[in-house]
Amino acid sequence: MIGKPAPEFTVKDSDRSVALRDLRGKIVVLNFWATWCPPCVEETPSLVALQAQMKDRVLVFGVSTDQNEAAYHRFIKVYNVNFLTVRDSEQNSNRLYGTFAFPETYIIDREGILRRKFIGPVDWTKPEIIEYLSKL
């Protein structure tokens, strides 16, 4: 999958509808996560920090696989989630990527090409991550 076009999808929940193709032209950090996933909880503050630090260059796009809409909304509020996120309770989007363990994150370049895949939690504020994203 790396080096190939990112699988396209559209996710619609009660708050918004997001189509991956509409994010073309931006570097996308596509993060599949869930509120019930301890490594996802651990990773969230660094995704929030990344979005704040690189907002002019990078778009963090979180796709929650939560069934429970109330838990999802509570999580967004408690963790001050400042990045684009949408809930895919049917898990159709993450299945396109073969993702079944969370968190899993894909870096998609401005042309929609998959550049990297990260399995498990990442500290998105590490200098090597910031440097990598800055060079895309």
N, C-alpha and C. Protein backbone atom coordinates (compact mmCIF):
# COMPACT_ATOMS: atom_id res chain seq x y z
N MET A 1 0.80 -1.20 0.00
CA MET A 1 0.00 0.00 0.00
C MET A 1 0.85 1.27 0.00
N ILE A 2 2.00 1.23 0.68
CA ILE A 2 2.86 2.42 0.73
C ILE A 2 3.33 2.73 -0.69
N GLY A 3 3.28 4.01 -1.04
CA GLY A 3 3.65 4.43 -2.38
C GLY A 3 2.50 4.38 -3.38
N LYS A 4 1.36 3.91 -2.93
CA LYS A 4 0.15 3.82 -3.78
C LYS A 4 -0.87 4.85 -3.31
N PRO A 5 -1.86 5.15 -4.17
CA PRO A 5 -2.92 6.07 -3.73
C PRO A 5 -3.65 5.53 -2.50
N ALA A 6 -3.94 6.41 -1.56
CA ALA A 6 -4.69 6.04 -0.37
C ALA A 6 -6.11 5.64 -0.76
N PRO A 7 -6.63 4.54 -0.20
CA PRO A 7 -8.02 4.17 -0.49
C PRO A 7 -8.97 5.31 -0.10
N GLU A 8 -9.86 5.64 -1.02
CA GLU A 8 -10.82 6.73 -0.82
C GLU A 8 -12.01 6.24 0.00
N PHE A 9 -12.52 7.11 0.85
CA PHE A 9 -13.73 6.81 1.61
C PHE A 9 -14.39 8.11 2.03
N THR A 10 -15.66 7.99 2.36
CA THR A 10 -16.42 9.09 2.94
C THR A 10 -17.06 8.55 4.21
N VAL A 11 -16.96 9.31 5.29
CA VAL A 11 -17.58 8.91 6.55
C VAL A 11 -18.55 10.01 6.95
N LYS A 12 -19.75 9.59 7.33
CA LYS A 12 -20.78 10.54 7.77
C LYS A 12 -21.28 10.07 9.13
N ASP A 13 -21.25 10.99 10.09
CA ASP A 13 -21.86 10.71 11.39
C ASP A 13 -22.87 11.81 11.67
N SER A 14 -23.34 11.90 12.90
CA SER A 14 -24.38 12.89 13.22
C SER A 14 -23.86 14.32 13.19
N ASP A 15 -22.52 14.50 13.19
CA ASP A 15 -21.94 15.84 13.22
C ASP A 15 -21.49 16.34 11.86
N ARG A 16 -20.95 15.45 11.02
CA ARG A 16 -20.36 15.90 9.75
C ARG A 16 -20.17 14.74 8.80
N SER A 17 -19.86 15.11 7.57
CA SER A 17 -19.49 14.14 6.54
C SER A 17 -18.12 14.56 6.02
N VAL A 18 -17.20 13.61 5.94
CA VAL A 18 -15.84 13.90 5.48
C VAL A 18 -15.46 12.90 4.40
N ALA A 19 -15.01 13.43 3.26
CA ALA A 19 -14.50 12.59 2.18
C ALA A 19 -12.99 12.79 2.11
N LEU A 20 -12.25 11.71 2.14
CA LEU A 20 -10.79 11.81 2.09
C LEU A 20 -10.33 12.59 0.86
N ARG A 21 -10.98 12.41 -0.26
CA ARG A 21 -10.57 13.10 -1.50
C ARG A 21 -10.65 14.62 -1.36
N ASP A 22 -11.52 15.10 -0.46
CA ASP A 22 -11.65 16.54 -0.25
C ASP A 22 -10.46 17.14 0.51
N LEU A 23 -9.61 16.28 1.05
CA LEU A 23 -8.45 16.74 1.81
C LEU A 23 -7.19 16.80 0.96
N ARG A 24 -7.32 16.45 -0.33
CA ARG A 24 -6.18 16.53 -1.25
C ARG A 24 -5.57 17.91 -1.21
N GLY A 25 -4.28 17.97 -1.38
CA GLY A 25 -3.58 19.25 -1.33
C GLY A 25 -3.00 19.52 0.04
N LYS A 26 -3.37 18.67 1.01
CA LYS A 26 -2.84 18.78 2.37
C LYS A 26 -2.12 17.49 2.72
N ILE A 27 -1.16 17.60 3.62
CA ILE A 27 -0.55 16.40 4.20
C ILE A 27 -1.53 15.93 5.27
N VAL A 28 -1.98 14.69 5.15
CA VAL A 28 -2.99 14.16 6.07
C VAL A 28 -2.36 13.10 6.97
N VAL A 29 -2.59 13.26 8.27
CA VAL A 29 -2.22 12.25 9.26
C VAL A 29 -3.55 11.56 9.60
N LEU A 30 -3.80 10.42 8.95
CA LEU A 30 -5.05 9.68 9.09
C LEU A 30 -4.91 8.70 10.24
N ASN A 31 -5.65 8.95 11.31
CA ASN A 31 -5.52 8.17 12.54
C ASN A 31 -6.82 7.43 12.83
N PHE A 32 -6.76 6.09 12.86
CA PHE A 32 -7.90 5.27 13.24
C PHE A 32 -7.78 4.99 14.74
N TRP A 33 -8.84 5.29 15.51
CA TRP A 33 -8.77 5.22 16.95
C TRP A 33 -10.11 4.87 17.56
N ALA A 34 -10.12 4.70 18.89
CA ALA A 34 -11.36 4.45 19.63
C ALA A 34 -11.19 4.93 21.07
N THR A 35 -12.28 5.34 21.69
CA THR A 35 -12.22 5.86 23.06
C THR A 35 -11.86 4.78 24.07
N TRP A 36 -12.19 3.54 23.77
CA TRP A 36 -11.98 2.43 24.70
C TRP A 36 -10.57 1.82 24.58
N CYS A 37 -9.74 2.42 23.75
CA CYS A 37 -8.41 1.90 23.45
C CYS A 37 -7.35 2.67 24.26
N PRO A 38 -6.75 2.07 25.31
CA PRO A 38 -5.76 2.79 26.12
C PRO A 38 -4.60 3.41 25.31
N PRO A 39 -4.03 2.72 24.31
CA PRO A 39 -2.96 3.37 23.54
C PRO A 39 -3.47 4.59 22.74
N CYS A 40 -4.73 4.57 22.35
CA CYS A 40 -5.31 5.72 21.64
C CYS A 40 -5.43 6.91 22.59
N VAL A 41 -5.86 6.63 23.81
CA VAL A 41 -5.97 7.68 24.83
C VAL A 41 -4.59 8.27 25.08
N GLU A 42 -3.58 7.41 25.19
CA GLU A 42 -2.20 7.85 25.41
C GLU A 42 -1.70 8.75 24.28
N GLU A 43 -2.08 8.42 23.05
CA GLU A 43 -1.59 9.12 21.87
C GLU A 43 -2.30 10.46 21.61
N THR A 44 -3.53 10.60 22.04
CA THR A 44 -4.35 11.76 21.70
C THR A 44 -3.70 13.11 22.01
N PRO A 45 -3.11 13.32 23.19
CA PRO A 45 -2.52 14.64 23.45
C PRO A 45 -1.43 15.03 22.44
N SER A 46 -0.67 14.05 21.94
CA SER A 46 0.37 14.41 20.97
C SER A 46 -0.23 14.71 19.60
N LEU A 47 -1.35 14.09 19.25
CA LEU A 47 -2.04 14.44 18.00
C LEU A 47 -2.61 15.86 18.10
N VAL A 48 -3.15 16.20 19.25
CA VAL A 48 -3.66 17.55 19.49
C VAL A 48 -2.52 18.56 19.35
N ALA A 49 -1.36 18.23 19.96
CA ALA A 49 -0.19 19.12 19.89
C ALA A 49 0.32 19.24 18.45
N LEU A 50 0.35 18.12 17.72
CA LEU A 50 0.80 18.15 16.32
C LEU A 50 -0.10 19.07 15.49
N GLN A 51 -1.41 18.94 15.66
CA GLN A 51 -2.33 19.77 14.87
C GLN A 51 -2.11 21.24 15.18
N ALA A 52 -1.92 21.56 16.45
CA ALA A 52 -1.69 22.95 16.84
C ALA A 52 -0.36 23.47 16.28
N GLN A 53 0.67 22.64 16.35
CA GLN A 53 2.01 23.05 15.92
C GLN A 53 2.15 23.17 14.41
N MET A 54 1.48 22.27 13.67
CA MET A 54 1.68 22.22 12.21
C MET A 54 0.41 22.51 11.43
N LYS A 55 -0.50 23.28 12.01
CA LYS A 55 -1.82 23.50 11.39
C LYS A 55 -1.76 24.08 9.99
N ASP A 56 -0.70 24.81 9.66
CA ASP A 56 -0.59 25.38 8.32
C ASP A 56 -0.07 24.38 7.30
N ARG A 57 0.42 23.25 7.75
CA ARG A 57 1.09 22.29 6.87
C ARG A 57 0.43 20.91 6.86
N VAL A 58 -0.13 20.52 8.02
CA VAL A 58 -0.62 19.16 8.22
C VAL A 58 -2.05 19.20 8.73
N LEU A 59 -2.85 18.23 8.28
CA LEU A 59 -4.21 18.07 8.78
C LEU A 59 -4.30 16.70 9.46
N VAL A 60 -4.53 16.71 10.75
CA VAL A 60 -4.78 15.46 11.47
C VAL A 60 -6.26 15.13 11.25
N PHE A 61 -6.51 13.91 10.79
CA PHE A 61 -7.87 13.45 10.52
C PHE A 61 -8.08 12.15 11.29
N GLY A 62 -8.84 12.24 12.37
CA GLY A 62 -9.12 11.07 13.20
C GLY A 62 -10.42 10.42 12.79
N VAL A 63 -10.39 9.09 12.68
CA VAL A 63 -11.60 8.32 12.42
C VAL A 63 -11.81 7.39 13.61
N SER A 64 -12.83 7.70 14.40
CA SER A 64 -13.16 6.87 15.57
C SER A 64 -14.02 5.70 15.13
N THR A 65 -13.75 4.55 15.72
CA THR A 65 -14.54 3.35 15.42
C THR A 65 -15.56 3.06 16.52
N ASP A 66 -15.79 4.05 17.37
CA ASP A 66 -16.71 3.87 18.49
C ASP A 66 -18.14 3.60 18.06
N GLN A 67 -18.77 2.67 18.76
CA GLN A 67 -20.20 2.43 18.60
C GLN A 67 -21.00 3.47 19.39
N ASN A 68 -20.47 3.83 20.56
CA ASN A 68 -21.17 4.69 21.51
C ASN A 68 -20.92 6.17 21.19
N GLU A 69 -21.93 6.82 20.66
CA GLU A 69 -21.81 8.22 20.27
C GLU A 69 -21.54 9.13 21.47
N ALA A 70 -22.19 8.86 22.60
CA ALA A 70 -22.00 9.69 23.80
C ALA A 70 -20.56 9.59 24.30
N ALA A 71 -19.99 8.39 24.31
CA ALA A 71 -18.60 8.21 24.75
C ALA A 71 -17.65 8.96 23.81
N TYR A 72 -17.94 8.91 22.54
CA TYR A 72 -17.12 9.61 21.54
C TYR A 72 -17.15 11.13 21.80
N HIS A 73 -18.33 11.70 21.96
CA HIS A 73 -18.45 13.14 22.21
C HIS A 73 -17.80 13.54 23.54
N ARG A 74 -17.95 12.70 24.55
CA ARG A 74 -17.33 12.98 25.85
C ARG A 74 -15.80 13.00 25.71
N PHE A 75 -15.24 12.04 24.99
CA PHE A 75 -13.80 11.96 24.77
C PHE A 75 -13.28 13.21 24.07
N ILE A 76 -13.97 13.64 23.03
CA ILE A 76 -13.56 14.82 22.25
C ILE A 76 -13.49 16.05 23.16
N LYS A 77 -14.47 16.15 24.05
CA LYS A 77 -14.52 17.29 24.96
C LYS A 77 -13.43 17.19 26.04
N VAL A 78 -13.31 16.04 26.68
CA VAL A 78 -12.35 15.85 27.78
C VAL A 78 -10.91 16.06 27.31
N TYR A 79 -10.60 15.57 26.10
CA TYR A 79 -9.22 15.65 25.59
C TYR A 79 -8.99 16.86 24.68
N ASN A 80 -9.97 17.77 24.64
CA ASN A 80 -9.84 18.99 23.84
C ASN A 80 -9.36 18.71 22.42
N VAL A 81 -9.99 17.75 21.78
CA VAL A 81 -9.58 17.35 20.43
C VAL A 81 -9.81 18.52 19.48
N ASN A 82 -8.73 19.00 18.90
CA ASN A 82 -8.75 20.18 18.02
C ASN A 82 -8.61 19.82 16.55
N PHE A 83 -8.56 18.53 16.26
CA PHE A 83 -8.39 18.11 14.87
C PHE A 83 -9.70 17.55 14.32
N LEU A 84 -9.75 17.47 13.01
CA LEU A 84 -10.92 16.93 12.32
C LEU A 84 -11.12 15.48 12.73
N THR A 85 -12.28 15.17 13.21
CA THR A 85 -12.58 13.79 13.58
C THR A 85 -14.02 13.46 13.22
N VAL A 86 -14.24 12.20 12.93
CA VAL A 86 -15.56 11.72 12.56
C VAL A 86 -15.68 10.29 13.08
N ARG A 87 -16.89 9.86 13.36
CA ARG A 87 -17.12 8.53 13.92
C ARG A 87 -17.64 7.59 12.84
N ASP A 88 -16.95 6.48 12.69
CA ASP A 88 -17.34 5.45 11.72
C ASP A 88 -17.67 4.17 12.49
N SER A 89 -18.86 4.13 13.07
CA SER A 89 -19.25 3.00 13.91
C SER A 89 -19.34 1.69 13.13
N GLU A 90 -19.51 1.78 11.83
CA GLU A 90 -19.57 0.57 10.99
C GLU A 90 -18.17 0.05 10.64
N GLN A 91 -17.16 0.87 10.90
CA GLN A 91 -15.75 0.53 10.64
C GLN A 91 -15.45 0.21 9.17
N ASN A 92 -16.18 0.85 8.27
CA ASN A 92 -15.93 0.63 6.84
C ASN A 92 -14.62 1.25 6.39
N SER A 93 -14.28 2.44 6.90
CA SER A 93 -13.07 3.13 6.45
C SER A 93 -11.81 2.40 6.89
N ASN A 94 -11.73 2.00 8.16
CA ASN A 94 -10.52 1.32 8.61
C ASN A 94 -10.35 -0.05 7.96
N ARG A 95 -11.44 -0.71 7.61
CA ARG A 95 -11.34 -2.01 6.92
C ARG A 95 -10.69 -1.85 5.54
N LEU A 96 -10.94 -0.72 4.88
CA LEU A 96 -10.30 -0.46 3.58
C LEU A 96 -8.77 -0.48 3.70
N TYR A 97 -8.28 -0.10 4.86
CA TYR A 97 -6.84 -0.02 5.11
C TYR A 97 -6.31 -1.28 5.79
N GLY A 98 -7.19 -2.23 6.09
CA GLY A 98 -6.77 -3.45 6.77
C GLY A 98 -6.50 -3.23 8.25
N THR A 99 -7.05 -2.17 8.80
CA THR A 99 -6.81 -1.83 10.20
C THR A 99 -7.86 -2.48 11.09
N PHE A 100 -7.37 -3.22 12.07
CA PHE A 100 -8.28 -3.83 13.04
C PHE A 100 -7.77 -3.65 14.47
N ALA A 101 -6.51 -3.27 14.63
CA ALA A 101 -5.95 -2.96 15.95
C ALA A 101 -5.71 -1.46 15.98
N PHE A 102 -5.97 -0.85 17.13
CA PHE A 102 -5.91 0.60 17.20
C PHE A 102 -4.89 1.05 18.24
N PRO A 103 -4.29 2.22 18.09
CA PRO A 103 -4.40 3.11 16.95
C PRO A 103 -3.53 2.66 15.79
N GLU A 104 -3.90 3.09 14.62
CA GLU A 104 -3.09 2.88 13.42
C GLU A 104 -3.19 4.17 12.62
N THR A 105 -2.05 4.62 12.11
CA THR A 105 -1.99 5.94 11.48
C THR A 105 -1.27 5.86 10.14
N TYR A 106 -1.80 6.59 9.18
CA TYR A 106 -1.23 6.65 7.83
C TYR A 106 -0.89 8.09 7.49
N ILE A 107 0.27 8.28 6.88
CA ILE A 107 0.65 9.60 6.39
C ILE A 107 0.36 9.61 4.90
N ILE A 108 -0.46 10.57 4.48
CA ILE A 108 -0.87 10.70 3.08
C ILE A 108 -0.37 12.05 2.58
N ASP A 109 0.36 12.03 1.46
CA ASP A 109 0.92 13.29 0.95
C ASP A 109 -0.13 14.12 0.23
N ARG A 110 0.27 15.28 -0.25
CA ARG A 110 -0.66 16.23 -0.89
C ARG A 110 -1.35 15.67 -2.13
N GLU A 111 -0.72 14.69 -2.77
CA GLU A 111 -1.30 14.08 -3.97
C GLU A 111 -2.17 12.87 -3.65
N GLY A 112 -2.30 12.54 -2.37
CA GLY A 112 -3.14 11.41 -1.99
C GLY A 112 -2.40 10.08 -1.98
N ILE A 113 -1.06 10.12 -1.94
CA ILE A 113 -0.26 8.89 -1.94
C ILE A 113 0.11 8.54 -0.49
N LEU A 114 -0.05 7.26 -0.16
CA LEU A 114 0.35 6.79 1.17
C LEU A 114 1.86 6.78 1.27
N ARG A 115 2.39 7.44 2.30
CA ARG A 115 3.84 7.53 2.47
C ARG A 115 4.36 6.70 3.63
N ARG A 116 3.61 6.60 4.72
CA ARG A 116 4.06 5.83 5.88
C ARG A 116 2.86 5.27 6.62
N LYS A 117 3.15 4.22 7.39
CA LYS A 117 2.13 3.61 8.25
C LYS A 117 2.76 3.41 9.63
N PHE A 118 2.00 3.77 10.65
CA PHE A 118 2.44 3.58 12.04
C PHE A 118 1.42 2.70 12.74
N ILE A 119 1.89 1.64 13.38
CA ILE A 119 1.02 0.76 14.15
C ILE A 119 1.30 1.02 15.62
N GLY A 120 0.26 1.30 16.38
CA GLY A 120 0.43 1.59 17.80
C GLY A 120 0.59 3.08 18.04
N PRO A 121 0.66 3.46 19.31
CA PRO A 121 0.74 4.88 19.65
C PRO A 121 2.08 5.48 19.28
N VAL A 122 2.04 6.73 18.86
CA VAL A 122 3.23 7.47 18.45
C VAL A 122 3.23 8.79 19.22
N ASP A 123 4.42 9.24 19.58
CA ASP A 123 4.54 10.60 20.12
C ASP A 123 4.73 11.51 18.91
N TRP A 124 3.67 12.16 18.51
CA TRP A 124 3.67 12.97 17.28
C TRP A 124 4.43 14.27 17.43
N THR A 125 4.93 14.56 18.62
CA THR A 125 5.71 15.78 18.83
C THR A 125 7.22 15.52 18.79
N LYS A 126 7.62 14.27 18.57
CA LYS A 126 9.05 13.96 18.50
C LYS A 126 9.69 14.71 17.33
N PRO A 127 10.89 15.24 17.53
CA PRO A 127 11.55 16.01 16.47
C PRO A 127 11.65 15.28 15.13
N GLU A 128 11.91 13.98 15.15
CA GLU A 128 12.04 13.25 13.87
C GLU A 128 10.71 13.17 13.12
N ILE A 129 9.60 13.12 13.85
CA ILE A 129 8.28 13.10 13.21
C ILE A 129 7.99 14.47 12.60
N ILE A 130 8.24 15.53 13.37
CA ILE A 130 8.01 16.90 12.88
C ILE A 130 8.88 17.15 11.65
N GLU A 131 10.13 16.71 11.71
CA GLU A 131 11.04 16.90 10.58
C GLU A 131 10.54 16.14 9.35
N TYR A 132 10.12 14.89 9.54
CA TYR A 132 9.60 14.10 8.42
C TYR A 132 8.40 14.81 7.77
N LEU A 133 7.44 15.23 8.58
CA LEU A 133 6.24 15.88 8.05
C LEU A 133 6.58 17.21 7.38
N SER A 134 7.57 17.90 7.89
CA SER A 134 7.99 19.19 7.32
C SER A 134 8.59 19.04 5.94
N LYS A 135 9.16 17.87 5.66
CA LYS A 135 9.84 17.66 4.38
C LYS A 135 8.91 17.12 3.30
N LEU A 136 7.69 16.73 3.68
CA LEU A 136 6.76 16.20 2.67
C LEU A 136 6.21 17.31 1.78
